[in-house]
Amino acid sequence: MARKQKKSCFSTEESNNWQKKITALIANKQPFLKPNLSLRQLAGMLGIQTNKLSELLNEKMGKNFSAYINHYRVKHFKQIAQNPDYQHL
């Protein structure tokens, strides 16, 4: 039995706009550095409903919340690890 494709609550334009907002927030505020960051908190920072943010991450950005945030955490760690000031760590 084939699965029914779920209709997105975002138009392509809305999806693109939200993706830009998420990317800008991640780059500028670095909320991923907060150890206990939750989907609800990130949604609040963006001004979007939690379920809509979850859909956006899963369906449009290809990662669930944890994978998305951990991607940025690992990327940030790699940048720190390459800094000569932190070679002793």
Protein backbone atom coordinates (compact mmCIF):
# COMPACT_ATOMS: atom_id res chain seq x y z
CA MET A 1 0.00 0.00 0.00
CA ALA A 2 1.49 3.34 -1.05
CA ARG A 3 1.83 6.08 1.53
CA LYS A 4 -0.15 9.21 0.94
CA GLN A 5 2.03 12.24 0.52
CA LYS A 6 1.36 14.78 3.26
CA LYS A 7 0.54 18.26 2.02
CA SER A 8 2.96 20.86 3.32
CA CYS A 9 1.63 23.79 5.29
CA PHE A 10 4.21 25.98 3.47
CA SER A 11 4.22 27.34 -0.03
CA THR A 12 7.60 27.19 -1.76
CA GLU A 13 8.13 30.89 -1.11
CA GLU A 14 7.22 30.58 2.59
CA SER A 15 9.48 27.57 2.94
CA ASN A 16 12.40 29.44 1.36
CA ASN A 17 11.79 32.47 3.60
CA TRP A 18 11.68 30.35 6.77
CA GLN A 19 14.82 28.47 5.74
CA LYS A 20 16.62 31.81 5.32
CA LYS A 21 15.38 32.96 8.74
CA ILE A 22 16.55 29.75 10.42
CA THR A 23 19.95 29.91 8.74
CA ALA A 24 20.38 33.58 9.71
CA LEU A 25 19.40 32.89 13.33
CA ILE A 26 21.82 29.96 13.54
CA ALA A 27 24.65 32.05 12.06
CA ASN A 28 24.04 35.23 14.04
CA LYS A 29 22.81 34.07 17.46
CA GLN A 30 24.33 30.56 17.57
CA PRO A 31 21.52 29.05 19.64
CA PHE A 32 23.05 25.60 19.09
CA LEU A 33 25.64 26.51 21.76
CA LYS A 34 22.88 26.33 24.37
CA PRO A 35 23.21 22.75 25.73
CA ASN A 36 19.50 22.24 26.44
CA LEU A 37 18.11 23.95 23.34
CA SER A 38 14.70 22.54 22.48
CA LEU A 39 12.57 22.62 19.38
CA ARG A 40 10.08 24.74 21.31
CA GLN A 41 12.77 27.29 22.24
CA LEU A 42 14.07 27.55 18.69
CA ALA A 43 10.52 27.95 17.39
CA GLY A 44 9.98 30.75 19.93
CA MET A 45 13.13 32.54 18.77
CA LEU A 46 11.86 32.37 15.20
CA GLY A 47 8.22 33.17 15.95
CA ILE A 48 6.90 29.98 14.34
CA GLN A 49 4.75 27.16 15.72
CA THR A 50 6.70 24.14 16.95
CA ASN A 51 4.98 21.68 14.62
CA LYS A 52 5.62 23.91 11.61
CA LEU A 53 9.31 24.24 12.48
CA SER A 54 9.51 20.47 12.84
CA GLU A 55 7.90 19.98 9.43
CA LEU A 56 10.23 22.53 7.87
CA LEU A 57 13.32 20.85 9.29
CA ASN A 58 12.19 17.33 8.43
CA GLU A 59 10.61 17.83 5.03
CA LYS A 60 12.41 20.82 3.55
CA MET A 61 15.83 20.74 5.21
CA GLY A 62 16.16 16.97 5.41
CA LYS A 63 17.05 16.62 9.10
CA ASN A 64 15.17 16.26 12.34
CA PHE A 65 15.72 18.88 15.04
CA SER A 66 18.48 16.98 16.87
CA ALA A 67 20.42 16.19 13.70
CA TYR A 68 20.10 19.79 12.50
CA ILE A 69 21.36 21.31 15.76
CA ASN A 70 24.09 18.70 16.22
CA HIS A 71 25.36 19.44 12.70
CA TYR A 72 26.06 23.02 13.77
CA ARG A 73 27.55 21.92 17.09
CA VAL A 74 30.02 19.62 15.34
CA LYS A 75 30.84 22.28 12.75
CA HIS A 76 31.51 24.79 15.54
CA PHE A 77 33.73 22.31 17.40
CA LYS A 78 35.75 21.64 14.24
CA GLN A 79 36.34 25.38 13.83
CA ILE A 80 37.54 25.66 17.43
CA ALA A 81 39.73 22.56 17.11
CA GLN A 82 41.53 24.09 14.12
CA ASN A 83 42.32 27.29 16.01
CA PRO A 84 45.96 27.27 17.17
CA ASP A 85 44.93 28.90 20.46
CA TYR A 86 43.11 25.66 21.37
CA GLN A 87 45.72 23.11 20.29
CA HIS A 88 46.34 22.17 23.93
CA LEU A 89 42.80 20.76 24.28
